Amino acid sequence: MTLGIAVADVESPDGRRAHGVPEARYDRTDATEADRDEAIDCLKRAYVNDQLTTDELAERVAIAHVAETLDQLDAALADVSFS
């Protein structure tokens, strides 16, 4: 299997999009589908930027897909730089 993620796949066309799990977490702990999608996008960017190996990416994406809480998503994003 070949993993096909390129820099162009994770860049924002207008360059204005902030990356990372949304800050709008007031009074909620449950992860939404949008939260999971954003976390997976962050993991893809980390992979493209050589912060994760293919195995690490696969493991963390699997965790993000089944995450029910924001804390579980945070664990999947541990040690990933968003800068």
PDB file of N, CA and C in Angstrom:
ATOM      1  N   MET A   1       0.826  -1.170   0.000  1.00  0.00           N
ATOM      2  CA  MET A   1       0.000   0.000   0.000  1.00  0.00           C
ATOM      3  C   MET A   1       0.877   1.242   0.000  1.00  0.00           C
ATOM      4  N   THR A   2       0.517   2.198  -0.811  1.00  0.00           N
ATOM      5  CA  THR A   2       1.246   3.453  -0.879  1.00  0.00           C
ATOM      6  C   THR A   2       0.403   4.552  -0.263  1.00  0.00           C
ATOM      7  N   LEU A   3       0.997   5.292   0.640  1.00  0.00           N
ATOM      8  CA  LEU A   3       0.310   6.397   1.282  1.00  0.00           C
ATOM      9  C   LEU A   3       0.571   7.645   0.465  1.00  0.00           C
ATOM     10  N   GLY A   4      -0.479   8.262  -0.029  1.00  0.00           N
ATOM     11  CA  GLY A   4      -0.312   9.427  -0.891  1.00  0.00           C
ATOM     12  C   GLY A   4      -0.791  10.709  -0.249  1.00  0.00           C
ATOM     13  N   ILE A   5       0.025  11.295   0.594  1.00  0.00           N
ATOM     14  CA  ILE A   5      -0.282  12.593   1.176  1.00  0.00           C
ATOM     15  C   ILE A   5       0.851  13.527   0.802  1.00  0.00           C
ATOM     16  N   ALA A   6       0.496  14.628   0.169  1.00  0.00           N
ATOM     17  CA  ALA A   6       1.494  15.613  -0.251  1.00  0.00           C
ATOM     18  C   ALA A   6       1.222  16.932   0.465  1.00  0.00           C
ATOM     19  N   VAL A   7       2.183  17.823   0.423  1.00  0.00           N
ATOM     20  CA  VAL A   7       2.037  19.127   1.064  1.00  0.00           C
ATOM     21  C   VAL A   7       0.799  19.837   0.525  1.00  0.00           C
ATOM     22  N   ALA A   8       0.559  19.757  -0.769  1.00  0.00           N
ATOM     23  CA  ALA A   8      -0.603  20.425  -1.359  1.00  0.00           C
ATOM     24  C   ALA A   8      -1.919  19.910  -0.793  1.00  0.00           C
ATOM     25  N   ASP A   9      -1.942  18.681  -0.316  1.00  0.00           N
ATOM     26  CA  ASP A   9      -3.155  18.112   0.263  1.00  0.00           C
ATOM     27  C   ASP A   9      -3.517  18.720   1.607  1.00  0.00           C
ATOM     28  N   VAL A  10      -2.567  19.322   2.274  1.00  0.00           N
ATOM     29  CA  VAL A  10      -2.808  19.830   3.625  1.00  0.00           C
ATOM     30  C   VAL A  10      -2.664  21.341   3.742  1.00  0.00           C
ATOM     31  N   GLU A  11      -2.377  22.016   2.648  1.00  0.00           N
ATOM     32  CA  GLU A  11      -2.263  23.463   2.679  1.00  0.00           C
ATOM     33  C   GLU A  11      -3.619  24.104   2.452  1.00  0.00           C
ATOM     34  N   SER A  12      -3.819  25.226   3.067  1.00  0.00           N
ATOM     35  CA  SER A  12      -5.041  25.992   2.867  1.00  0.00           C
ATOM     36  C   SER A  12      -4.847  26.895   1.662  1.00  0.00           C
ATOM     37  N   PRO A  13      -5.789  26.902   0.711  1.00  0.00           N
ATOM     38  CA  PRO A  13      -5.629  27.722  -0.489  1.00  0.00           C
ATOM     39  C   PRO A  13      -5.465  29.210  -0.199  1.00  0.00           C
ATOM     40  N   ASP A  14      -6.162  29.726   0.807  1.00  0.00           N
ATOM     41  CA  ASP A  14      -6.054  31.151   1.094  1.00  0.00           C
ATOM     42  C   ASP A  14      -5.023  31.465   2.172  1.00  0.00           C
ATOM     43  N   GLY A  15      -4.477  30.433   2.797  1.00  0.00           N
ATOM     44  CA  GLY A  15      -3.433  30.630   3.799  1.00  0.00           C
ATOM     45  C   GLY A  15      -3.920  31.191   5.119  1.00  0.00           C
ATOM     46  N   ARG A  16      -5.251  31.337   5.288  1.00  0.00           N
ATOM     47  CA  ARG A  16      -5.771  31.967   6.501  1.00  0.00           C
ATOM     48  C   ARG A  16      -6.293  30.975   7.525  1.00  0.00           C
ATOM     49  N   ARG A  17      -6.355  29.742   7.219  1.00  0.00           N
ATOM     50  CA  ARG A  17      -6.951  28.756   8.122  1.00  0.00           C
ATOM     51  C   ARG A  17      -6.011  28.452   9.284  1.00  0.00           C
ATOM     52  N   ALA A  18      -6.547  28.489  10.473  1.00  0.00           N
ATOM     53  CA  ALA A  18      -5.769  28.129  11.661  1.00  0.00           C
ATOM     54  C   ALA A  18      -5.858  26.619  11.838  1.00  0.00           C
ATOM     55  N   HIS A  19      -4.752  25.998  12.122  1.00  0.00           N
ATOM     56  CA  HIS A  19      -4.715  24.552  12.265  1.00  0.00           C
ATOM     57  C   HIS A  19      -4.708  24.162  13.728  1.00  0.00           C
ATOM     58  N   GLY A  20      -5.206  22.980  13.999  1.00  0.00           N
ATOM     59  CA  GLY A  20      -5.269  22.469  15.362  1.00  0.00           C
ATOM     60  C   GLY A  20      -6.710  22.220  15.757  1.00  0.00           C
ATOM     61  N   VAL A  21      -6.886  21.535  16.832  1.00  0.00           N
ATOM     62  CA  VAL A  21      -8.232  21.264  17.332  1.00  0.00           C
ATOM     63  C   VAL A  21      -8.848  22.607  17.715  1.00  0.00           C
ATOM     64  N   PRO A  22     -10.089  22.870  17.294  1.00  0.00           N
ATOM     65  CA  PRO A  22     -10.716  24.172  17.560  1.00  0.00           C
ATOM     66  C   PRO A  22     -10.693  24.553  19.033  1.00  0.00           C
ATOM     67  N   GLU A  23     -10.534  25.841  19.258  1.00  0.00           N
ATOM     68  CA  GLU A  23     -10.480  26.354  20.628  1.00  0.00           C
ATOM     69  C   GLU A  23     -11.869  26.453  21.252  1.00  0.00           C
ATOM     70  N   ALA A  24     -12.928  26.340  20.460  1.00  0.00           N
ATOM     71  CA  ALA A  24     -14.302  26.492  20.959  1.00  0.00           C
ATOM     72  C   ALA A  24     -14.725  25.244  21.725  1.00  0.00           C
ATOM     73  N   ARG A  25     -14.185  25.100  22.915  1.00  0.00           N
ATOM     74  CA  ARG A  25     -14.442  23.914  23.730  1.00  0.00           C
ATOM     75  C   ARG A  25     -15.224  24.248  24.987  1.00  0.00           C
ATOM     76  N   TYR A  26     -15.797  25.401  25.041  1.00  0.00           N
ATOM     77  CA  TYR A  26     -16.471  25.836  26.249  1.00  0.00           C
ATOM     78  C   TYR A  26     -17.568  24.866  26.634  1.00  0.00           C
ATOM     79  N   ASP A  27     -17.481  24.367  27.845  1.00  0.00           N
ATOM     80  CA  ASP A  27     -18.502  23.501  28.427  1.00  0.00           C
ATOM     81  C   ASP A  27     -18.799  22.243  27.626  1.00  0.00           C
ATOM     82  N   ARG A  28     -17.826  21.723  26.913  1.00  0.00           N
ATOM     83  CA  ARG A  28     -18.058  20.457  26.226  1.00  0.00           C
ATOM     84  C   ARG A  28     -16.823  19.577  26.303  1.00  0.00           C
ATOM     85  N   THR A  29     -17.060  18.293  26.363  1.00  0.00           N
ATOM     86  CA  THR A  29     -15.968  17.330  26.415  1.00  0.00           C
ATOM     87  C   THR A  29     -16.059  16.315  25.285  1.00  0.00           C
ATOM     88  N   ASP A  30     -17.242  16.191  24.674  1.00  0.00           N
ATOM     89  CA  ASP A  30     -17.429  15.217  23.598  1.00  0.00           C
ATOM     90  C   ASP A  30     -16.832  15.725  22.295  1.00  0.00           C
ATOM     91  N   ALA A  31     -16.161  14.840  21.587  1.00  0.00           N
ATOM     92  CA  ALA A  31     -15.586  15.177  20.286  1.00  0.00           C
ATOM     93  C   ALA A  31     -16.666  15.078  19.220  1.00  0.00           C
ATOM     94  N   THR A  32     -16.666  16.047  18.312  1.00  0.00           N
ATOM     95  CA  THR A  32     -17.588  16.020  17.188  1.00  0.00           C
ATOM     96  C   THR A  32     -16.862  15.462  15.967  1.00  0.00           C
ATOM     97  N   GLU A  33     -17.620  15.193  14.927  1.00  0.00           N
ATOM     98  CA  GLU A  33     -17.001  14.732  13.682  1.00  0.00           C
ATOM     99  C   GLU A  33     -16.048  15.796  13.134  1.00  0.00           C
ATOM    100  N   ALA A  34     -16.422  17.069  13.274  1.00  0.00           N
ATOM    101  CA  ALA A  34     -15.545  18.158  12.837  1.00  0.00           C
ATOM    102  C   ALA A  34     -14.246  18.174  13.642  1.00  0.00           C
ATOM    103  N   ASP A  35     -14.314  17.915  14.943  1.00  0.00           N
ATOM    104  CA  ASP A  35     -13.109  17.838  15.775  1.00  0.00           C
ATOM    105  C   ASP A  35     -12.206  16.706  15.297  1.00  0.00           C
ATOM    106  N   ARG A  36     -12.805  15.546  15.024  1.00  0.00           N
ATOM    107  CA  ARG A  36     -12.021  14.400  14.551  1.00  0.00           C
ATOM    108  C   ARG A  36     -11.380  14.702  13.203  1.00  0.00           C
ATOM    109  N   ASP A  37     -12.141  15.324  12.305  1.00  0.00           N
ATOM    110  CA  ASP A  37     -11.597  15.668  10.986  1.00  0.00           C
ATOM    111  C   ASP A  37     -10.428  16.634  11.099  1.00  0.00           C
ATOM    112  N   GLU A  38     -10.555  17.633  11.956  1.00  0.00           N
ATOM    113  CA  GLU A  38      -9.481  18.610  12.137  1.00  0.00           C
ATOM    114  C   GLU A  38      -8.241  17.955  12.740  1.00  0.00           C
ATOM    115  N   ALA A  39      -8.434  17.070  13.695  1.00  0.00           N
ATOM    116  CA  ALA A  39      -7.302  16.367  14.290  1.00  0.00           C
ATOM    117  C   ALA A  39      -6.584  15.515  13.239  1.00  0.00           C
ATOM    118  N   ILE A  40      -7.348  14.849  12.396  1.00  0.00           N
ATOM    119  CA  ILE A  40      -6.742  14.013  11.345  1.00  0.00           C
ATOM    120  C   ILE A  40      -5.999  14.885  10.341  1.00  0.00           C
ATOM    121  N   ASP A  41      -6.550  16.056  10.005  1.00  0.00           N
ATOM    122  CA  ASP A  41      -5.838  16.983   9.123  1.00  0.00           C
ATOM    123  C   ASP A  41      -4.508  17.416   9.744  1.00  0.00           C
ATOM    124  N   CYS A  42      -4.520  17.675  11.050  1.00  0.00           N
ATOM    125  CA  CYS A  42      -3.287  18.048  11.750  1.00  0.00           C
ATOM    126  C   CYS A  42      -2.262  16.914  11.705  1.00  0.00           C
ATOM    127  N   LEU A  43      -2.726  15.694  11.865  1.00  0.00           N
ATOM    128  CA  LEU A  43      -1.833  14.538  11.811  1.00  0.00           C
ATOM    129  C   LEU A  43      -1.242  14.383  10.411  1.00  0.00           C
ATOM    130  N   LYS A  44      -2.038  14.613   9.387  1.00  0.00           N
ATOM    131  CA  LYS A  44      -1.529  14.541   8.009  1.00  0.00           C
ATOM    132  C   LYS A  44      -0.453  15.597   7.780  1.00  0.00           C
ATOM    133  N   ARG A  45      -0.704  16.838   8.288  1.00  0.00           N
ATOM    134  CA  ARG A  45       0.303  17.889   8.147  1.00  0.00           C
ATOM    135  C   ARG A  45       1.591  17.509   8.874  1.00  0.00           C
ATOM    136  N   ALA A  46       1.446  16.918  10.050  1.00  0.00           N
ATOM    137  CA  ALA A  46       2.630  16.499  10.806  1.00  0.00           C
ATOM    138  C   ALA A  46       3.409  15.436  10.038  1.00  0.00           C
ATOM    139  N   TYR A  47       2.695  14.536   9.385  1.00  0.00           N
ATOM    140  CA  TYR A  47       3.350  13.503   8.576  1.00  0.00           C
ATOM    141  C   TYR A  47       4.105  14.137   7.407  1.00  0.00           C
ATOM    142  N   VAL A  48       3.469  15.051   6.712  1.00  0.00           N
ATOM    143  CA  VAL A  48       4.097  15.711   5.560  1.00  0.00           C
ATOM    144  C   VAL A  48       5.325  16.497   6.003  1.00  0.00           C
ATOM    145  N   ASN A  49       5.283  17.042   7.217  1.00  0.00           N
ATOM    146  CA  ASN A  49       6.409  17.815   7.750  1.00  0.00           C
ATOM    147  C   ASN A  49       7.418  16.952   8.498  1.00  0.00           C
ATOM    148  N   ASP A  50       7.343  15.646   8.282  1.00  0.00           N
ATOM    149  CA  ASP A  50       8.295  14.685   8.869  1.00  0.00           C
ATOM    150  C   ASP A  50       8.298  14.657  10.399  1.00  0.00           C
ATOM    151  N   GLN A  51       7.164  14.952  11.015  1.00  0.00           N
ATOM    152  CA  GLN A  51       7.044  14.855  12.463  1.00  0.00           C
ATOM    153  C   GLN A  51       6.566  13.476  12.892  1.00  0.00           C
ATOM    154  N   LEU A  52       5.951  12.739  11.960  1.00  0.00           N
ATOM    155  CA  LEU A  52       5.432  11.399  12.248  1.00  0.00           C
ATOM    156  C   LEU A  52       5.894  10.421  11.174  1.00  0.00           C
ATOM    157  N   THR A  53       6.102   9.187  11.579  1.00  0.00           N
ATOM    158  CA  THR A  53       6.375   8.128  10.608  1.00  0.00           C
ATOM    159  C   THR A  53       5.040   7.624  10.064  1.00  0.00           C
ATOM    160  N   THR A  54       5.090   6.809   9.050  1.00  0.00           N
ATOM    161  CA  THR A  54       3.872   6.232   8.484  1.00  0.00           C
ATOM    162  C   THR A  54       3.127   5.418   9.530  1.00  0.00           C
ATOM    163  N   ASP A  55       3.851   4.634  10.302  1.00  0.00           N
ATOM    164  CA  ASP A  55       3.222   3.830  11.352  1.00  0.00           C
ATOM    165  C   ASP A  55       2.582   4.701  12.424  1.00  0.00           C
ATOM    166  N   GLU A  56       3.278   5.780  12.828  1.00  0.00           N
ATOM    167  CA  GLU A  56       2.719   6.683  13.830  1.00  0.00           C
ATOM    168  C   GLU A  56       1.458   7.356  13.302  1.00  0.00           C
ATOM    169  N   LEU A  57       1.494   7.774  12.042  1.00  0.00           N
ATOM    170  CA  LEU A  57       0.325   8.391  11.435  1.00  0.00           C
ATOM    171  C   LEU A  57      -0.859   7.435  11.452  1.00  0.00           C
ATOM    172  N   ALA A  58      -0.637   6.218  11.012  1.00  0.00           N
ATOM    173  CA  ALA A  58      -1.725   5.232  10.972  1.00  0.00           C
ATOM    174  C   ALA A  58      -2.296   4.979  12.359  1.00  0.00           C
ATOM    175  N   GLU A  59      -1.429   4.848  13.342  1.00  0.00           N
ATOM    176  CA  GLU A  59      -1.872   4.583  14.719  1.00  0.00           C
ATOM    177  C   GLU A  59      -2.694   5.747  15.266  1.00  0.00           C
ATOM    178  N   ARG A  60      -2.198   6.964  15.052  1.00  0.00           N
ATOM    179  CA  ARG A  60      -2.879   8.134  15.604  1.00  0.00           C
ATOM    180  C   ARG A  60      -4.187   8.441  14.867  1.00  0.00           C
ATOM    181  N   VAL A  61      -4.226   8.200  13.550  1.00  0.00           N
ATOM    182  CA  VAL A  61      -5.472   8.402  12.808  1.00  0.00           C
ATOM    183  C   VAL A  61      -6.528   7.412  13.286  1.00  0.00           C
ATOM    184  N   ALA A  62      -6.104   6.185  13.552  1.00  0.00           N
ATOM    185  CA  ALA A  62      -7.043   5.184  14.077  1.00  0.00           C
ATOM    186  C   ALA A  62      -7.607   5.633  15.420  1.00  0.00           C
ATOM    187  N   ILE A  63      -6.767   6.202  16.270  1.00  0.00           N
ATOM    188  CA  ILE A  63      -7.218   6.711  17.563  1.00  0.00           C
ATOM    189  C   ILE A  63      -8.204   7.860  17.358  1.00  0.00           C
ATOM    190  N   ALA A  64      -7.877   8.771  16.445  1.00  0.00           N
ATOM    191  CA  ALA A  64      -8.742   9.926  16.193  1.00  0.00           C
ATOM    192  C   ALA A  64     -10.105   9.502  15.654  1.00  0.00           C
ATOM    193  N   HIS A  65     -10.123   8.496  14.792  1.00  0.00           N
ATOM    194  CA  HIS A  65     -11.387   8.043  14.205  1.00  0.00           C
ATOM    195  C   HIS A  65     -12.380   7.546  15.256  1.00  0.00           C
ATOM    196  N   VAL A  66     -11.890   6.947  16.326  1.00  0.00           N
ATOM    197  CA  VAL A  66     -12.790   6.387  17.343  1.00  0.00           C
ATOM    198  C   VAL A  66     -12.883   7.252  18.592  1.00  0.00           C
ATOM    199  N   ALA A  67     -12.194   8.394  18.604  1.00  0.00           N
ATOM    200  CA  ALA A  67     -12.196   9.271  19.773  1.00  0.00           C
ATOM    201  C   ALA A  67     -13.607   9.759  20.069  1.00  0.00           C
ATOM    202  N   GLU A  68     -13.988   9.626  21.311  1.00  0.00           N
ATOM    203  CA  GLU A  68     -15.298  10.106  21.754  1.00  0.00           C
ATOM    204  C   GLU A  68     -15.185  11.389  22.559  1.00  0.00           C
ATOM    205  N   THR A  69     -13.979  11.684  23.068  1.00  0.00           N
ATOM    206  CA  THR A  69     -13.794  12.890  23.870  1.00  0.00           C
ATOM    207  C   THR A  69     -12.665  13.737  23.289  1.00  0.00           C
ATOM    208  N   LEU A  70     -12.674  15.006  23.674  1.00  0.00           N
ATOM    209  CA  LEU A  70     -11.609  15.907  23.234  1.00  0.00           C
ATOM    210  C   LEU A  70     -10.267  15.498  23.839  1.00  0.00           C
ATOM    211  N   ASP A  71     -10.288  14.946  25.047  1.00  0.00           N
ATOM    212  CA  ASP A  71      -9.051  14.469  25.668  1.00  0.00           C
ATOM    213  C   ASP A  71      -8.422  13.341  24.850  1.00  0.00           C
ATOM    214  N   GLN A  72      -9.247  12.471  24.295  1.00  0.00           N
ATOM    215  CA  GLN A  72      -8.726  11.390  23.448  1.00  0.00           C
ATOM    216  C   GLN A  72      -8.104  11.960  22.170  1.00  0.00           C
ATOM    217  N   LEU A  73      -8.717  13.003  21.618  1.00  0.00           N
ATOM    218  CA  LEU A  73      -8.122  13.656  20.447  1.00  0.00           C
ATOM    219  C   LEU A  73      -6.799  14.321  20.813  1.00  0.00           C
ATOM    220  N   ASP A  74      -6.761  14.969  21.968  1.00  0.00           N
ATOM    221  CA  ASP A  74      -5.518  15.594  22.420  1.00  0.00           C
ATOM    222  C   ASP A  74      -4.400  14.564  22.545  1.00  0.00           C
ATOM    223  N   ALA A  75      -4.738  13.373  23.017  1.00  0.00           N
ATOM    224  CA  ALA A  75      -3.732  12.313  23.142  1.00  0.00           C
ATOM    225  C   ALA A  75      -3.202  11.902  21.769  1.00  0.00           C
ATOM    226  N   ALA A  76      -4.076  11.868  20.767  1.00  0.00           N
ATOM    227  CA  ALA A  76      -3.634  11.513  19.413  1.00  0.00           C
ATOM    228  C   ALA A  76      -2.707  12.576  18.841  1.00  0.00           C
ATOM    229  N   LEU A  77      -2.854  13.814  19.307  1.00  0.00           N
ATOM    230  CA  LEU A  77      -2.037  14.930  18.803  1.00  0.00           C
ATOM    231  C   LEU A  77      -0.825  15.237  19.672  1.00  0.00           C
ATOM    232  N   ALA A  78      -0.594  14.430  20.679  1.00  0.00           N
ATOM    233  CA  ALA A  78       0.541  14.662  21.578  1.00  0.00           C
ATOM    234  C   ALA A  78       1.844  14.739  20.796  1.00  0.00           C
ATOM    235  N   ASP A  79       2.688  15.685  21.156  1.00  0.00           N
ATOM    236  CA  ASP A  79       4.015  15.869  20.554  1.00  0.00           C
ATOM    237  C   ASP A  79       3.985  16.335  19.109  1.00  0.00           C
ATOM    238  N   VAL A  80       2.837  16.788  18.621  1.00  0.00           N
ATOM    239  CA  VAL A  80       2.749  17.314  17.258  1.00  0.00           C
ATOM    240  C   VAL A  80       2.817  18.834  17.335  1.00  0.00           C
ATOM    241  N   SER A  81       3.715  19.416  16.569  1.00  0.00           N
ATOM    242  CA  SER A  81       3.875  20.866  16.553  1.00  0.00           C
ATOM    243  C   SER A  81       2.924  21.466  15.507  1.00  0.00           C
ATOM    244  N   PHE A  82       2.243  22.539  15.871  1.00  0.00           N
ATOM    245  CA  PHE A  82       1.296  23.173  14.970  1.00  0.00           C
ATOM    246  C   PHE A  82       1.859  24.424  14.313  1.00  0.00           C
ATOM    247  N   SER A  83       3.102  24.721  14.500  1.00  0.00           N
ATOM    248  CA  SER A  83       3.670  25.949  13.916  1.00  0.00           C
ATOM    249  C   SER A  83       4.147  25.730  12.506  1.00  0.00           C
TER     250      SER A  83
END
